[in-house]
Amino acid sequence: MRTRIKICGLTRPQDVIAAAEAGADAVGFVFYPASPRNVTFGLAAELAALLPPFVTAVGLFVNPQAEFVAEALRSVSLQWLQFHGDESDAQCAALSVIPGTGKSLPWIKAVRMRPGVDLLESSASHPGARGLLLDAFAEGYGGSGRMFDWSLIPPGAGRLLVLSGGLDPGNVGEAIRRLRPWAVDVSSGVEVAKGIKDAAKIAAFVAGVRNADG
């Protein structure tokens, strides 16, 4: 299986181009004002317009208001949504409806992993999610850049899993060989500063994934 790759938290045109040229399957735009990687809808629209065919634009939200997501969907050509807060399945489903169309975008739900978190319960409580993104727990919902204990992932989760949390070019190969997730998601692991990606690190990350895929 070919592990899918998402580069998240993009804020600059050159980083979008670097991710696409390296072979990323998707890029993520953060619509969360508390994040240092937050982008305006206008900037995200400009960045999304740079994407070549078959590279997906993903919008990331944290406990958003309905009108906030609706404005994002009106402004930016998004194909997928990620919800990283405490949104219920019903809330995610309602927020994913494209204004004026009655149609919905697919979405995935983030699970902040730490001891005591029941991944199977999280999966069962969000049946509408196309997959679960596993990240390390952090206060305030921000990406911590830290790994979590992979042994917290139970066998037979029954869902497509996207692995995140502290991944970088040096450890992504081991993560894939051990866990065989459907996809991996990286942000801080390919940065030189928060929100500023490094083209060489992106290329090395993609190469690490491909080497692990064999």
C-alpha atoms as a PDB file:
ATOM      1  CA  MET A   1       0.000   0.000   0.000  1.00  0.00           C
ATOM      2  CA  ARG A   2       1.138   3.536  -0.746  1.00  0.00           C
ATOM      3  CA  THR A   3       0.920   5.696   2.364  1.00  0.00           C
ATOM      4  CA  ARG A   4      -0.754   9.000   1.647  1.00  0.00           C
ATOM      5  CA  ILE A   5       0.991  12.205   2.731  1.00  0.00           C
ATOM      6  CA  LYS A   6      -0.404  15.503   3.950  1.00  0.00           C
ATOM      7  CA  ILE A   7       1.697  18.583   4.654  1.00  0.00           C
ATOM      8  CA  CYS A   8      -0.232  20.823   7.054  1.00  0.00           C
ATOM      9  CA  GLY A   9      -0.049  24.404   8.234  1.00  0.00           C
ATOM     10  CA  LEU A  10       1.022  25.988   4.964  1.00  0.00           C
ATOM     11  CA  THR A  11       1.223  29.768   4.862  1.00  0.00           C
ATOM     12  CA  ARG A  12       3.426  30.621   1.854  1.00  0.00           C
ATOM     13  CA  PRO A  13       3.210  30.032  -1.916  1.00  0.00           C
ATOM     14  CA  GLN A  14       6.691  28.517  -2.097  1.00  0.00           C
ATOM     15  CA  ASP A  15       5.756  25.948   0.534  1.00  0.00           C
ATOM     16  CA  VAL A  16       2.632  24.897  -1.347  1.00  0.00           C
ATOM     17  CA  ILE A  17       4.700  24.452  -4.493  1.00  0.00           C
ATOM     18  CA  ALA A  18       7.411  22.538  -2.608  1.00  0.00           C
ATOM     19  CA  ALA A  19       4.849  20.156  -1.109  1.00  0.00           C
ATOM     20  CA  ALA A  20       3.246  19.469  -4.472  1.00  0.00           C
ATOM     21  CA  GLU A  21       6.552  18.995  -6.256  1.00  0.00           C
ATOM     22  CA  ALA A  22       7.799  16.613  -3.553  1.00  0.00           C
ATOM     23  CA  GLY A  23       4.766  14.389  -4.076  1.00  0.00           C
ATOM     24  CA  ALA A  24       2.365  15.281  -1.256  1.00  0.00           C
ATOM     25  CA  ASP A  25      -1.191  14.066  -1.735  1.00  0.00           C
ATOM     26  CA  ALA A  26      -2.747  16.889   0.274  1.00  0.00           C
ATOM     27  CA  VAL A  27      -1.953  20.182   1.950  1.00  0.00           C
ATOM     28  CA  GLY A  28      -3.661  21.671   4.977  1.00  0.00           C
ATOM     29  CA  PHE A  29      -4.697  25.236   5.751  1.00  0.00           C
ATOM     30  CA  VAL A  30      -5.301  26.108   9.396  1.00  0.00           C
ATOM     31  CA  PHE A  31      -8.361  28.234  10.147  1.00  0.00           C
ATOM     32  CA  TYR A  32      -7.842  28.590  13.877  1.00  0.00           C
ATOM     33  CA  PRO A  33      -6.928  32.108  15.059  1.00  0.00           C
ATOM     34  CA  ALA A  34      -5.042  30.827  18.114  1.00  0.00           C
ATOM     35  CA  SER A  35      -2.582  28.921  15.915  1.00  0.00           C
ATOM     36  CA  PRO A  36       0.665  30.495  14.671  1.00  0.00           C
ATOM     37  CA  ARG A  37      -0.111  28.777  11.353  1.00  0.00           C
ATOM     38  CA  ASN A  38      -3.521  30.405  11.004  1.00  0.00           C
ATOM     39  CA  VAL A  39      -4.270  31.857   7.572  1.00  0.00           C
ATOM     40  CA  THR A  40      -7.004  34.161   6.348  1.00  0.00           C
ATOM     41  CA  PHE A  41      -9.553  32.889   3.880  1.00  0.00           C
ATOM     42  CA  GLY A  42      -8.124  35.231   1.269  1.00  0.00           C
ATOM     43  CA  LEU A  43      -4.596  33.898   1.629  1.00  0.00           C
ATOM     44  CA  ALA A  44      -5.811  30.313   1.705  1.00  0.00           C
ATOM     45  CA  ALA A  45      -7.731  30.897  -1.534  1.00  0.00           C
ATOM     46  CA  GLU A  46      -4.554  32.196  -3.187  1.00  0.00           C
ATOM     47  CA  LEU A  47      -2.540  29.231  -1.940  1.00  0.00           C
ATOM     48  CA  ALA A  48      -5.164  26.677  -2.950  1.00  0.00           C
ATOM     49  CA  ALA A  49      -5.187  28.139  -6.449  1.00  0.00           C
ATOM     50  CA  LEU A  50      -1.535  27.106  -6.815  1.00  0.00           C
ATOM     51  CA  LEU A  51      -2.257  23.415  -6.346  1.00  0.00           C
ATOM     52  CA  PRO A  52      -1.825  21.155  -9.387  1.00  0.00           C
ATOM     53  CA  PRO A  53      -4.389  18.481 -10.307  1.00  0.00           C
ATOM     54  CA  PHE A  54      -4.969  15.700  -7.757  1.00  0.00           C
ATOM     55  CA  VAL A  55      -3.349  17.487  -4.813  1.00  0.00           C
ATOM     56  CA  THR A  56      -6.114  18.026  -2.260  1.00  0.00           C
ATOM     57  CA  ALA A  57      -6.777  21.173  -0.214  1.00  0.00           C
ATOM     58  CA  VAL A  58      -7.869  20.471   3.369  1.00  0.00           C
ATOM     59  CA  GLY A  59      -9.307  23.001   5.811  1.00  0.00           C
ATOM     60  CA  LEU A  60      -8.581  22.557   9.518  1.00  0.00           C
ATOM     61  CA  PHE A  61     -10.995  23.889  12.148  1.00  0.00           C
ATOM     62  CA  VAL A  62     -11.234  23.822  15.947  1.00  0.00           C
ATOM     63  CA  ASN A  63     -14.690  24.151  17.516  1.00  0.00           C
ATOM     64  CA  PRO A  64     -15.758  26.625  14.809  1.00  0.00           C
ATOM     65  CA  GLN A  65     -18.978  28.567  14.487  1.00  0.00           C
ATOM     66  CA  ALA A  66     -21.165  27.484  11.577  1.00  0.00           C
ATOM     67  CA  GLU A  67     -20.900  30.798   9.737  1.00  0.00           C
ATOM     68  CA  PHE A  68     -17.102  30.734  10.044  1.00  0.00           C
ATOM     69  CA  VAL A  69     -16.928  27.385   8.234  1.00  0.00           C
ATOM     70  CA  ALA A  70     -19.541  28.497   5.719  1.00  0.00           C
ATOM     71  CA  GLU A  71     -17.454  31.560   4.853  1.00  0.00           C
ATOM     72  CA  ALA A  72     -14.375  29.374   4.453  1.00  0.00           C
ATOM     73  CA  LEU A  73     -16.261  27.097   2.076  1.00  0.00           C
ATOM     74  CA  ARG A  74     -17.495  30.085   0.083  1.00  0.00           C
ATOM     75  CA  SER A  75     -14.008  31.585  -0.123  1.00  0.00           C
ATOM     76  CA  VAL A  76     -11.598  28.665  -0.537  1.00  0.00           C
ATOM     77  CA  SER A  77     -11.651  25.698  -2.912  1.00  0.00           C
ATOM     78  CA  LEU A  78     -11.462  23.016  -0.228  1.00  0.00           C
ATOM     79  CA  GLN A  79     -12.017  19.325  -0.891  1.00  0.00           C
ATOM     80  CA  TRP A  80     -11.771  17.951   2.677  1.00  0.00           C
ATOM     81  CA  LEU A  81     -12.317  19.201   6.215  1.00  0.00           C
ATOM     82  CA  GLN A  82     -10.549  18.317   9.482  1.00  0.00           C
ATOM     83  CA  PHE A  83     -12.125  18.971  12.863  1.00  0.00           C
ATOM     84  CA  HIS A  84      -9.695  19.148  15.779  1.00  0.00           C
ATOM     85  CA  GLY A  85     -11.858  20.268  18.668  1.00  0.00           C
ATOM     86  CA  ASP A  86     -14.679  18.699  20.630  1.00  0.00           C
ATOM     87  CA  GLU A  87     -17.113  18.595  17.720  1.00  0.00           C
ATOM     88  CA  SER A  88     -19.728  15.836  17.801  1.00  0.00           C
ATOM     89  CA  ASP A  89     -20.525  13.704  14.790  1.00  0.00           C
ATOM     90  CA  ALA A  90     -23.707  15.707  14.200  1.00  0.00           C
ATOM     91  CA  GLN A  91     -21.844  19.003  14.415  1.00  0.00           C
ATOM     92  CA  CYS A  92     -19.190  17.855  11.952  1.00  0.00           C
ATOM     93  CA  ALA A  93     -21.867  16.694   9.536  1.00  0.00           C
ATOM     94  CA  ALA A  94     -23.726  20.015   9.751  1.00  0.00           C
ATOM     95  CA  LEU A  95     -20.560  22.084   9.374  1.00  0.00           C
ATOM     96  CA  SER A  96     -19.455  20.179   6.285  1.00  0.00           C
ATOM     97  CA  VAL A  97     -22.468  21.228   4.193  1.00  0.00           C
ATOM     98  CA  ILE A  98     -21.458  23.511   1.313  1.00  0.00           C
ATOM     99  CA  PRO A  99     -23.554  26.702   1.520  1.00  0.00           C
ATOM    100  CA  GLY A 100     -26.376  26.894  -0.986  1.00  0.00           C
ATOM    101  CA  THR A 101     -25.866  23.413  -2.405  1.00  0.00           C
ATOM    102  CA  GLY A 102     -27.097  20.883   0.132  1.00  0.00           C
ATOM    103  CA  LYS A 103     -23.980  18.870  -0.642  1.00  0.00           C
ATOM    104  CA  SER A 104     -21.297  18.026   1.907  1.00  0.00           C
ATOM    105  CA  LEU A 105     -17.554  17.747   1.896  1.00  0.00           C
ATOM    106  CA  PRO A 106     -15.970  14.645   3.426  1.00  0.00           C
ATOM    107  CA  TRP A 107     -14.340  15.147   6.792  1.00  0.00           C
ATOM    108  CA  ILE A 108     -12.015  13.501   9.267  1.00  0.00           C
ATOM    109  CA  LYS A 109     -11.953  13.860  13.050  1.00  0.00           C
ATOM    110  CA  ALA A 110      -8.825  14.366  15.111  1.00  0.00           C
ATOM    111  CA  VAL A 111      -8.338  12.365  18.294  1.00  0.00           C
ATOM    112  CA  ARG A 112      -5.868  13.754  20.816  1.00  0.00           C
ATOM    113  CA  MET A 113      -4.116  10.685  22.128  1.00  0.00           C
ATOM    114  CA  ARG A 114      -3.039  10.232  25.745  1.00  0.00           C
ATOM    115  CA  PRO A 115      -3.488   7.526  28.378  1.00  0.00           C
ATOM    116  CA  GLY A 116      -7.163   7.008  29.060  1.00  0.00           C
ATOM    117  CA  VAL A 117      -8.359   7.945  25.587  1.00  0.00           C
ATOM    118  CA  ASP A 118     -10.471   5.159  24.105  1.00  0.00           C
ATOM    119  CA  LEU A 119      -9.835   5.214  20.369  1.00  0.00           C
ATOM    120  CA  LEU A 120     -12.525   2.640  19.702  1.00  0.00           C
ATOM    121  CA  GLU A 121     -15.047   4.810  21.528  1.00  0.00           C
ATOM    122  CA  SER A 122     -13.920   7.883  19.588  1.00  0.00           C
ATOM    123  CA  SER A 123     -14.345   5.960  16.374  1.00  0.00           C
ATOM    124  CA  ALA A 124     -17.815   4.742  17.292  1.00  0.00           C
ATOM    125  CA  SER A 125     -18.940   8.227  18.311  1.00  0.00           C
ATOM    126  CA  HIS A 126     -18.039   9.720  14.915  1.00  0.00           C
ATOM    127  CA  PRO A 127     -19.474   7.296  12.352  1.00  0.00           C
ATOM    128  CA  GLY A 128     -19.654  10.027   9.705  1.00  0.00           C
ATOM    129  CA  ALA A 129     -15.897  10.577   9.678  1.00  0.00           C
ATOM    130  CA  ARG A 130     -14.051   9.148   6.703  1.00  0.00           C
ATOM    131  CA  GLY A 131     -11.077   8.570   8.981  1.00  0.00           C
ATOM    132  CA  LEU A 132      -9.502   9.478  12.310  1.00  0.00           C
ATOM    133  CA  LEU A 133      -6.395  11.615  12.656  1.00  0.00           C
ATOM    134  CA  LEU A 134      -4.330  10.637  15.685  1.00  0.00           C
ATOM    135  CA  ASP A 135      -2.318  13.429  17.272  1.00  0.00           C
ATOM    136  CA  ALA A 136      -0.589  13.982  20.594  1.00  0.00           C
ATOM    137  CA  PHE A 137      -2.667  15.660  23.277  1.00  0.00           C
ATOM    138  CA  ALA A 138      -1.858  19.339  23.736  1.00  0.00           C
ATOM    139  CA  GLU A 139      -3.467  22.009  25.886  1.00  0.00           C
ATOM    140  CA  GLY A 140      -5.426  24.538  23.903  1.00  0.00           C
ATOM    141  CA  TYR A 141      -5.815  22.282  20.848  1.00  0.00           C
ATOM    142  CA  GLY A 142      -2.576  23.452  19.269  1.00  0.00           C
ATOM    143  CA  GLY A 143      -0.226  21.089  17.542  1.00  0.00           C
ATOM    144  CA  SER A 144       2.472  20.234  20.043  1.00  0.00           C
ATOM    145  CA  GLY A 145       5.012  18.746  17.663  1.00  0.00           C
ATOM    146  CA  ARG A 146       5.344  15.857  20.109  1.00  0.00           C
ATOM    147  CA  MET A 147       4.891  12.163  19.501  1.00  0.00           C
ATOM    148  CA  PHE A 148       2.410  10.142  21.509  1.00  0.00           C
ATOM    149  CA  ASP A 149       2.748   6.580  22.749  1.00  0.00           C
ATOM    150  CA  TRP A 150       1.932   4.487  19.684  1.00  0.00           C
ATOM    151  CA  SER A 151       0.994   1.565  21.931  1.00  0.00           C
ATOM    152  CA  LEU A 152      -2.206   3.501  22.728  1.00  0.00           C
ATOM    153  CA  ILE A 153      -3.482   2.546  19.262  1.00  0.00           C
ATOM    154  CA  PRO A 154      -5.478  -0.673  19.692  1.00  0.00           C
ATOM    155  CA  PRO A 155      -5.426  -3.374  17.019  1.00  0.00           C
ATOM    156  CA  GLY A 156      -8.455  -3.518  14.798  1.00  0.00           C
ATOM    157  CA  ALA A 157      -9.534   0.107  15.121  1.00  0.00           C
ATOM    158  CA  GLY A 158     -11.726  -0.535  12.102  1.00  0.00           C
ATOM    159  CA  ARG A 159     -11.167   2.897  10.604  1.00  0.00           C
ATOM    160  CA  LEU A 160      -8.728   4.501   8.228  1.00  0.00           C
ATOM    161  CA  LEU A 161      -6.110   6.141  10.446  1.00  0.00           C
ATOM    162  CA  VAL A 162      -4.051   9.221   9.714  1.00  0.00           C
ATOM    163  CA  LEU A 163      -0.962   9.355  11.923  1.00  0.00           C
ATOM    164  CA  SER A 164       0.266  12.726  13.153  1.00  0.00           C
ATOM    165  CA  GLY A 165       2.134  14.075  16.158  1.00  0.00           C
ATOM    166  CA  GLY A 166       5.871  14.663  16.146  1.00  0.00           C
ATOM    167  CA  LEU A 167       6.570  13.059  12.790  1.00  0.00           C
ATOM    168  CA  ASP A 168       9.647  14.186  10.882  1.00  0.00           C
ATOM    169  CA  PRO A 169      11.964  12.856   8.159  1.00  0.00           C
ATOM    170  CA  GLY A 170      13.906  10.846  10.728  1.00  0.00           C
ATOM    171  CA  ASN A 171      11.062   8.884  12.318  1.00  0.00           C
ATOM    172  CA  VAL A 172       8.305   8.663   9.720  1.00  0.00           C
ATOM    173  CA  GLY A 173       9.754   5.497   8.209  1.00  0.00           C
ATOM    174  CA  GLU A 174       9.672   3.670  11.540  1.00  0.00           C
ATOM    175  CA  ALA A 175       6.135   4.909  12.163  1.00  0.00           C
ATOM    176  CA  ILE A 176       4.908   3.505   8.869  1.00  0.00           C
ATOM    177  CA  ARG A 177       6.681   0.179   9.259  1.00  0.00           C
ATOM    178  CA  ARG A 178       5.259  -0.287  12.760  1.00  0.00           C
ATOM    179  CA  LEU A 179       1.738   1.035  12.356  1.00  0.00           C
ATOM    180  CA  ARG A 180       0.913   0.971   8.640  1.00  0.00           C
ATOM    181  CA  PRO A 181      -1.461   3.958   8.773  1.00  0.00           C
ATOM    182  CA  TRP A 182      -3.498   4.966   5.756  1.00  0.00           C
ATOM    183  CA  ALA A 183      -1.798   8.366   5.761  1.00  0.00           C
ATOM    184  CA  VAL A 184       0.670  10.547   7.650  1.00  0.00           C
ATOM    185  CA  ASP A 185       0.291  14.234   8.457  1.00  0.00           C
ATOM    186  CA  VAL A 186       3.219  16.528   9.237  1.00  0.00           C
ATOM    187  CA  SER A 187       3.586  20.191  10.112  1.00  0.00           C
ATOM    188  CA  SER A 188       6.328  21.193  12.569  1.00  0.00           C
ATOM    189  CA  GLY A 189       8.541  18.292  11.468  1.00  0.00           C
ATOM    190  CA  VAL A 190       9.222  19.997   8.129  1.00  0.00           C
ATOM    191  CA  GLU A 191       9.546  23.564   9.407  1.00  0.00           C
ATOM    192  CA  VAL A 192      12.356  26.006  10.125  1.00  0.00           C
ATOM    193  CA  ALA A 193       9.924  28.182  12.130  1.00  0.00           C
ATOM    194  CA  LYS A 194       6.238  27.945  12.950  1.00  0.00           C
ATOM    195  CA  GLY A 195       4.352  28.177   9.681  1.00  0.00           C
ATOM    196  CA  ILE A 196       7.541  28.365   7.611  1.00  0.00           C
ATOM    197  CA  LYS A 197       8.266  25.117   5.795  1.00  0.00           C
ATOM    198  CA  ASP A 198      11.599  23.912   4.444  1.00  0.00           C
ATOM    199  CA  ALA A 199      11.565  22.420   0.942  1.00  0.00           C
ATOM    200  CA  ALA A 200      14.461  20.061   1.689  1.00  0.00           C
ATOM    201  CA  LYS A 201      12.741  18.738   4.824  1.00  0.00           C
ATOM    202  CA  ILE A 202       9.508  18.220   2.904  1.00  0.00           C
ATOM    203  CA  ALA A 203      11.363  16.259   0.218  1.00  0.00           C
ATOM    204  CA  ALA A 204      13.175  14.191   2.859  1.00  0.00           C
ATOM    205  CA  PHE A 205       9.888  13.451   4.642  1.00  0.00           C
ATOM    206  CA  VAL A 206       8.253  12.238   1.431  1.00  0.00           C
ATOM    207  CA  ALA A 207      11.323  10.153   0.636  1.00  0.00           C
ATOM    208  CA  GLY A 208      11.153   8.572   4.111  1.00  0.00           C
ATOM    209  CA  VAL A 209       7.538   7.607   3.513  1.00  0.00           C
ATOM    210  CA  ARG A 210       8.246   6.114   0.121  1.00  0.00           C
ATOM    211  CA  ASN A 211      11.231   4.139   1.413  1.00  0.00           C
ATOM    212  CA  ALA A 212       9.086   2.660   4.177  1.00  0.00           C
ATOM    213  CA  ASP A 213       6.392   1.748   1.683  1.00  0.00           C
ATOM    214  CA  GLY A 214       9.004  -0.338  -0.127  1.00  0.00           C
END
